[in-house]
Amino acid sequence: MKNLVIFASGSGSNAENIIRYFATKPDFCVKKIYCNVPGAYVLERARQLQVPACVFTREEFRNPDKLLRRLQDEGTDFIVLAGFLWLVPPCITAAYPNRIVNIHPALLPAYGGKGMYEHHVHEAVLAAGEQQSGITIHYVNDRYDSGDIIFQATCPVLPDDTPDTLAARVHELEYQHFPRVIEETVLKSANGE
């Protein structure tokens, strides 16, 4: 059994999609949702899906004796960032090398880094006149959006796109690909690849 945890900061639509996907996979378990925003809707989604959830502070996140110890004590094998906006501290990235993945709503290395999330990314893509956008699933290290790329998928940027219409198209790619790529990545990690 591979135990996954999801770190999320917002509404949790990707987290819900991931939970539903792995509910059909007997060799995987989404053990918990970790959230850094009290009142984020992802906590309600977790409750509805009967997945334990907890809220943590920045101090707990950075302190190896707090959140990292809890992850290890719970038997966490793999961490998934799904709309999680804090930089993961070195104590966690070092404990889980190539076992933390994130999804970014653009084609890295462009449009990544601190402050490039949600509508900020789509606004930047449109302002630059790009012809395509998409998603990047990548390993997490101790710098924003700079871990090795695992997978990318593209979608067109249409002449009349707004940040919202482009975001909707990018979200479809996220829902379509993220759970499957997580599964493949976890299995590769388990096989030492």
C-alpha atoms as a PDB file:
ATOM      1  CA  MET A   1       0.000   0.000   0.000  1.00  0.00           C
ATOM      2  CA  LYS A   2       1.322   3.417  -0.996  1.00  0.00           C
ATOM      3  CA  ASN A   3       0.240   6.190   1.366  1.00  0.00           C
ATOM      4  CA  LEU A   4      -0.264   9.576  -0.269  1.00  0.00           C
ATOM      5  CA  VAL A   5      -0.929  12.904   1.371  1.00  0.00           C
ATOM      6  CA  ILE A   6      -2.119  16.037  -0.371  1.00  0.00           C
ATOM      7  CA  PHE A   7      -1.049  19.561   0.553  1.00  0.00           C
ATOM      8  CA  ALA A   8      -3.616  22.155  -0.542  1.00  0.00           C
ATOM      9  CA  SER A   9      -4.377  25.806   0.114  1.00  0.00           C
ATOM     10  CA  GLY A  10      -7.628  26.538  -1.702  1.00  0.00           C
ATOM     11  CA  SER A  11     -10.884  25.092  -2.956  1.00  0.00           C
ATOM     12  CA  GLY A  12      -9.472  21.618  -3.523  1.00  0.00           C
ATOM     13  CA  SER A  13     -10.970  20.618  -6.871  1.00  0.00           C
ATOM     14  CA  ASN A  14      -7.732  18.881  -7.876  1.00  0.00           C
ATOM     15  CA  ALA A  15      -7.507  17.257  -4.444  1.00  0.00           C
ATOM     16  CA  GLU A  16     -11.036  15.907  -4.842  1.00  0.00           C
ATOM     17  CA  ASN A  17     -10.228  14.581  -8.309  1.00  0.00           C
ATOM     18  CA  ILE A  18      -7.127  12.836  -6.957  1.00  0.00           C
ATOM     19  CA  ILE A  19      -9.011  11.328  -4.005  1.00  0.00           C
ATOM     20  CA  ARG A  20     -11.758   9.994  -6.276  1.00  0.00           C
ATOM     21  CA  TYR A  21      -9.203   8.535  -8.710  1.00  0.00           C
ATOM     22  CA  PHE A  22      -7.236   6.693  -6.019  1.00  0.00           C
ATOM     23  CA  ALA A  23     -10.405   5.431  -4.310  1.00  0.00           C
ATOM     24  CA  THR A  24     -10.542   2.920  -7.201  1.00  0.00           C
ATOM     25  CA  LYS A  25      -6.900   1.841  -6.751  1.00  0.00           C
ATOM     26  CA  PRO A  26      -6.520  -0.798  -4.016  1.00  0.00           C
ATOM     27  CA  ASP A  27      -2.730  -0.352  -3.778  1.00  0.00           C
ATOM     28  CA  PHE A  28      -3.014   3.364  -2.934  1.00  0.00           C
ATOM     29  CA  CYS A  29      -4.483   5.338  -0.066  1.00  0.00           C
ATOM     30  CA  VAL A  30      -4.904   9.094   0.231  1.00  0.00           C
ATOM     31  CA  LYS A  31      -4.252   9.205   3.956  1.00  0.00           C
ATOM     32  CA  LYS A  32      -4.750  12.882   4.694  1.00  0.00           C
ATOM     33  CA  ILE A  33      -5.203  16.405   3.420  1.00  0.00           C
ATOM     34  CA  TYR A  34      -2.821  18.957   4.910  1.00  0.00           C
ATOM     35  CA  CYS A  35      -3.964  22.551   4.570  1.00  0.00           C
ATOM     36  CA  ASN A  36      -2.289  25.817   5.517  1.00  0.00           C
ATOM     37  CA  VAL A  37      -5.441  27.958   5.237  1.00  0.00           C
ATOM     38  CA  PRO A  38      -8.096  27.643   7.958  1.00  0.00           C
ATOM     39  CA  GLY A  39     -11.497  27.705   6.293  1.00  0.00           C
ATOM     40  CA  ALA A  40     -10.261  26.649   2.839  1.00  0.00           C
ATOM     41  CA  TYR A  41     -12.950  24.715   0.983  1.00  0.00           C
ATOM     42  CA  VAL A  42     -10.589  21.762   0.505  1.00  0.00           C
ATOM     43  CA  LEU A  43     -11.263  20.943   4.169  1.00  0.00           C
ATOM     44  CA  GLU A  44     -14.984  20.607   3.444  1.00  0.00           C
ATOM     45  CA  ARG A  45     -14.243  18.428   0.415  1.00  0.00           C
ATOM     46  CA  ALA A  46     -12.059  16.201   2.598  1.00  0.00           C
ATOM     47  CA  ARG A  47     -14.871  15.911   5.154  1.00  0.00           C
ATOM     48  CA  GLN A  48     -17.395  14.974   2.444  1.00  0.00           C
ATOM     49  CA  LEU A  49     -15.000  12.375   1.014  1.00  0.00           C
ATOM     50  CA  GLN A  50     -14.182  11.024   4.495  1.00  0.00           C
ATOM     51  CA  VAL A  51     -10.472  11.784   4.219  1.00  0.00           C
ATOM     52  CA  PRO A  52      -8.854  13.069   7.417  1.00  0.00           C
ATOM     53  CA  ALA A  53      -7.599  16.647   7.214  1.00  0.00           C
ATOM     54  CA  CYS A  54      -5.605  18.994   9.364  1.00  0.00           C
ATOM     55  CA  VAL A  55      -4.569  22.620   9.296  1.00  0.00           C
ATOM     56  CA  PHE A  56      -0.998  23.577  10.085  1.00  0.00           C
ATOM     57  CA  THR A  57       0.891  26.794  10.704  1.00  0.00           C
ATOM     58  CA  ARG A  58       4.000  28.109   8.984  1.00  0.00           C
ATOM     59  CA  GLU A  59       6.011  27.367  12.149  1.00  0.00           C
ATOM     60  CA  GLU A  60       4.836  23.731  12.171  1.00  0.00           C
ATOM     61  CA  PHE A  61       5.636  23.450   8.459  1.00  0.00           C
ATOM     62  CA  ARG A  62       9.220  24.636   8.851  1.00  0.00           C
ATOM     63  CA  ASN A  63      10.000  22.763  12.069  1.00  0.00           C
ATOM     64  CA  PRO A  64      11.317  19.224  11.385  1.00  0.00           C
ATOM     65  CA  ASP A  65      10.003  18.075  14.756  1.00  0.00           C
ATOM     66  CA  LYS A  66       6.446  19.077  13.884  1.00  0.00           C
ATOM     67  CA  LEU A  67       4.922  18.423  10.440  1.00  0.00           C
ATOM     68  CA  LEU A  68       7.780  16.309   9.059  1.00  0.00           C
ATOM     69  CA  ARG A  69       7.670  14.037  12.092  1.00  0.00           C
ATOM     70  CA  ARG A  70       3.887  13.712  11.703  1.00  0.00           C
ATOM     71  CA  LEU A  71       4.277  12.774   8.021  1.00  0.00           C
ATOM     72  CA  GLN A  72       6.849  10.142   8.881  1.00  0.00           C
ATOM     73  CA  ASP A  73       4.873   8.776  11.832  1.00  0.00           C
ATOM     74  CA  GLU A  74       1.827   8.382   9.587  1.00  0.00           C
ATOM     75  CA  GLY A  75       3.827   6.334   7.065  1.00  0.00           C
ATOM     76  CA  THR A  76       3.642   8.877   4.252  1.00  0.00           C
ATOM     77  CA  ASP A  77       5.232   7.525   1.071  1.00  0.00           C
ATOM     78  CA  PHE A  78       4.475  10.371  -1.327  1.00  0.00           C
ATOM     79  CA  ILE A  79       3.345  14.014  -1.135  1.00  0.00           C
ATOM     80  CA  VAL A  80       1.193  15.727  -3.746  1.00  0.00           C
ATOM     81  CA  LEU A  81       0.889  19.508  -3.925  1.00  0.00           C
ATOM     82  CA  ALA A  82      -2.506  20.452  -5.348  1.00  0.00           C
ATOM     83  CA  GLY A  83      -2.956  24.201  -5.275  1.00  0.00           C
ATOM     84  CA  PHE A  84      -0.526  24.547  -2.395  1.00  0.00           C
ATOM     85  CA  LEU A  85       1.136  27.968  -2.352  1.00  0.00           C
ATOM     86  CA  TRP A  86       3.955  27.777   0.207  1.00  0.00           C
ATOM     87  CA  LEU A  87       7.518  26.860  -0.660  1.00  0.00           C
ATOM     88  CA  VAL A  88       8.243  23.411   0.781  1.00  0.00           C
ATOM     89  CA  PRO A  89      11.076  23.682   3.319  1.00  0.00           C
ATOM     90  CA  PRO A  90      14.353  21.786   2.849  1.00  0.00           C
ATOM     91  CA  CYS A  91      13.654  19.513   5.832  1.00  0.00           C
ATOM     92  CA  ILE A  92      10.694  18.016   3.928  1.00  0.00           C
ATOM     93  CA  THR A  93      12.216  18.001   0.412  1.00  0.00           C
ATOM     94  CA  ALA A  94      15.328  16.261   1.803  1.00  0.00           C
ATOM     95  CA  ALA A  95      13.210  13.622   3.559  1.00  0.00           C
ATOM     96  CA  TYR A  96      11.146  12.947   0.406  1.00  0.00           C
ATOM     97  CA  PRO A  97      13.536  13.267  -2.578  1.00  0.00           C
ATOM     98  CA  ASN A  98      11.663  12.704  -5.847  1.00  0.00           C
ATOM     99  CA  ARG A  99       8.599  11.827  -3.777  1.00  0.00           C
ATOM    100  CA  ILE A 100       6.898  15.235  -3.839  1.00  0.00           C
ATOM    101  CA  VAL A 101       5.115  16.408  -6.981  1.00  0.00           C
ATOM    102  CA  ASN A 102       3.359  19.619  -7.930  1.00  0.00           C
ATOM    103  CA  ILE A 103       1.194  20.720 -10.810  1.00  0.00           C
ATOM    104  CA  HIS A 104       1.713  24.154 -12.345  1.00  0.00           C
ATOM    105  CA  PRO A 105      -0.887  25.808 -14.622  1.00  0.00           C
ATOM    106  CA  ALA A 106       1.573  26.759 -17.381  1.00  0.00           C
ATOM    107  CA  LEU A 107       4.416  25.296 -19.379  1.00  0.00           C
ATOM    108  CA  LEU A 108       7.495  25.595 -17.209  1.00  0.00           C
ATOM    109  CA  PRO A 109      10.133  26.912 -17.170  1.00  0.00           C
ATOM    110  CA  ALA A 110       8.147  29.941 -18.397  1.00  0.00           C
ATOM    111  CA  TYR A 111       5.601  31.549 -16.060  1.00  0.00           C
ATOM    112  CA  GLY A 112       6.868  29.914 -12.887  1.00  0.00           C
ATOM    113  CA  GLY A 113       8.322  31.124  -9.626  1.00  0.00           C
ATOM    114  CA  LYS A 114       7.110  33.025  -6.608  1.00  0.00           C
ATOM    115  CA  GLY A 115       3.825  34.808  -7.191  1.00  0.00           C
ATOM    116  CA  MET A 116       2.992  32.840 -10.341  1.00  0.00           C
ATOM    117  CA  TYR A 117      -0.176  30.999  -9.413  1.00  0.00           C
ATOM    118  CA  GLU A 118      -3.838  30.903 -10.405  1.00  0.00           C
ATOM    119  CA  HIS A 119      -4.963  33.949 -12.409  1.00  0.00           C
ATOM    120  CA  HIS A 120      -1.493  35.563 -12.255  1.00  0.00           C
ATOM    121  CA  VAL A 121      -0.150  32.812 -14.510  1.00  0.00           C
ATOM    122  CA  HIS A 122      -2.987  33.051 -17.041  1.00  0.00           C
ATOM    123  CA  GLU A 123      -2.777  36.847 -17.146  1.00  0.00           C
ATOM    124  CA  ALA A 124       0.966  36.617 -17.861  1.00  0.00           C
ATOM    125  CA  VAL A 125       0.464  34.028 -20.608  1.00  0.00           C
ATOM    126  CA  LEU A 126      -2.173  36.197 -22.296  1.00  0.00           C
ATOM    127  CA  ALA A 127      -0.132  39.405 -21.907  1.00  0.00           C
ATOM    128  CA  ALA A 128       2.820  37.709 -23.617  1.00  0.00           C
ATOM    129  CA  GLY A 129       0.687  36.733 -26.603  1.00  0.00           C
ATOM    130  CA  GLU A 130       1.422  33.017 -26.270  1.00  0.00           C
ATOM    131  CA  GLN A 131      -0.208  30.648 -28.734  1.00  0.00           C
ATOM    132  CA  GLN A 132      -0.389  27.783 -26.247  1.00  0.00           C
ATOM    133  CA  SER A 133      -0.412  27.107 -22.550  1.00  0.00           C
ATOM    134  CA  GLY A 134      -0.918  23.990 -20.511  1.00  0.00           C
ATOM    135  CA  ILE A 135       0.212  22.152 -17.421  1.00  0.00           C
ATOM    136  CA  THR A 136       3.514  21.015 -16.000  1.00  0.00           C
ATOM    137  CA  ILE A 137       3.782  18.255 -13.432  1.00  0.00           C
ATOM    138  CA  HIS A 138       7.178  18.360 -11.752  1.00  0.00           C
ATOM    139  CA  TYR A 139       9.155  17.162  -8.788  1.00  0.00           C
ATOM    140  CA  VAL A 140       9.397  19.610  -5.910  1.00  0.00           C
ATOM    141  CA  ASN A 141      12.683  20.926  -4.580  1.00  0.00           C
ATOM    142  CA  ASP A 142      13.461  23.898  -2.342  1.00  0.00           C
ATOM    143  CA  ARG A 143      12.901  26.502  -5.101  1.00  0.00           C
ATOM    144  CA  TYR A 144       9.539  27.449  -6.619  1.00  0.00           C
ATOM    145  CA  ASP A 145       8.684  25.558  -9.815  1.00  0.00           C
ATOM    146  CA  SER A 146      12.252  24.462 -10.571  1.00  0.00           C
ATOM    147  CA  GLY A 147      12.171  20.700  -9.962  1.00  0.00           C
ATOM    148  CA  ASP A 148      12.638  18.255 -12.815  1.00  0.00           C
ATOM    149  CA  ILE A 149       9.684  18.102 -15.196  1.00  0.00           C
ATOM    150  CA  ILE A 150       7.777  14.815 -15.220  1.00  0.00           C
ATOM    151  CA  PHE A 151       4.989  15.599 -17.695  1.00  0.00           C
ATOM    152  CA  GLN A 152       3.527  18.444 -19.754  1.00  0.00           C
ATOM    153  CA  ALA A 153       0.316  18.774 -21.742  1.00  0.00           C
ATOM    154  CA  THR A 154      -0.717  21.724 -23.898  1.00  0.00           C
ATOM    155  CA  CYS A 155      -3.853  23.544 -24.917  1.00  0.00           C
ATOM    156  CA  PRO A 156      -4.328  26.415 -27.360  1.00  0.00           C
ATOM    157  CA  VAL A 157      -4.589  30.025 -26.280  1.00  0.00           C
ATOM    158  CA  LEU A 158      -7.513  31.433 -28.261  1.00  0.00           C
ATOM    159  CA  PRO A 159      -7.676  35.012 -29.562  1.00  0.00           C
ATOM    160  CA  ASP A 160     -10.674  35.895 -27.374  1.00  0.00           C
ATOM    161  CA  ASP A 161      -9.416  34.163 -24.223  1.00  0.00           C
ATOM    162  CA  THR A 162      -9.683  35.787 -20.827  1.00  0.00           C
ATOM    163  CA  PRO A 163      -7.787  34.537 -17.776  1.00  0.00           C
ATOM    164  CA  ASP A 164     -10.953  32.678 -16.750  1.00  0.00           C
ATOM    165  CA  THR A 165     -11.539  30.923 -20.079  1.00  0.00           C
ATOM    166  CA  LEU A 166      -7.897  29.929 -20.335  1.00  0.00           C
ATOM    167  CA  ALA A 167      -7.958  28.720 -16.722  1.00  0.00           C
ATOM    168  CA  ALA A 168     -10.968  26.505 -17.496  1.00  0.00           C
ATOM    169  CA  ARG A 169      -9.102  24.858 -20.377  1.00  0.00           C
ATOM    170  CA  VAL A 170      -5.993  24.359 -18.233  1.00  0.00           C
ATOM    171  CA  HIS A 171      -8.096  22.904 -15.387  1.00  0.00           C
ATOM    172  CA  GLU A 172      -9.447  20.275 -17.784  1.00  0.00           C
ATOM    173  CA  LEU A 173      -5.870  19.187 -18.495  1.00  0.00           C
ATOM    174  CA  GLU A 174      -5.176  19.040 -14.751  1.00  0.00           C
ATOM    175  CA  TYR A 175      -8.191  16.818 -14.086  1.00  0.00           C
ATOM    176  CA  GLN A 176      -7.392  14.591 -17.054  1.00  0.00           C
ATOM    177  CA  HIS A 177      -3.698  14.000 -16.383  1.00  0.00           C
ATOM    178  CA  PHE A 178      -2.662  14.734 -12.788  1.00  0.00           C
ATOM    179  CA  PRO A 179      -3.982  11.589 -11.027  1.00  0.00           C
ATOM    180  CA  ARG A 180      -2.616   9.238 -13.696  1.00  0.00           C
ATOM    181  CA  VAL A 181       0.810  10.898 -13.688  1.00  0.00           C
ATOM    182  CA  ILE A 182       0.896  10.732  -9.874  1.00  0.00           C
ATOM    183  CA  GLU A 183       0.164   7.011 -10.023  1.00  0.00           C
ATOM    184  CA  GLU A 184       2.872   6.387 -12.633  1.00  0.00           C
ATOM    185  CA  THR A 185       5.404   8.482 -10.699  1.00  0.00           C
ATOM    186  CA  VAL A 186       4.707   6.716  -7.403  1.00  0.00           C
ATOM    187  CA  LEU A 187       5.097   3.309  -9.068  1.00  0.00           C
ATOM    188  CA  LYS A 188       8.398   4.362 -10.691  1.00  0.00           C
ATOM    189  CA  SER A 189       9.641   5.613  -7.336  1.00  0.00           C
ATOM    190  CA  ALA A 190       8.653   2.333  -5.668  1.00  0.00           C
ATOM    191  CA  ASN A 191      10.591   0.432  -8.332  1.00  0.00           C
ATOM    192  CA  GLY A 192      13.679   2.581  -7.806  1.00  0.00           C
ATOM    193  CA  GLU A 193      13.421   4.297 -11.195  1.00  0.00           C
END
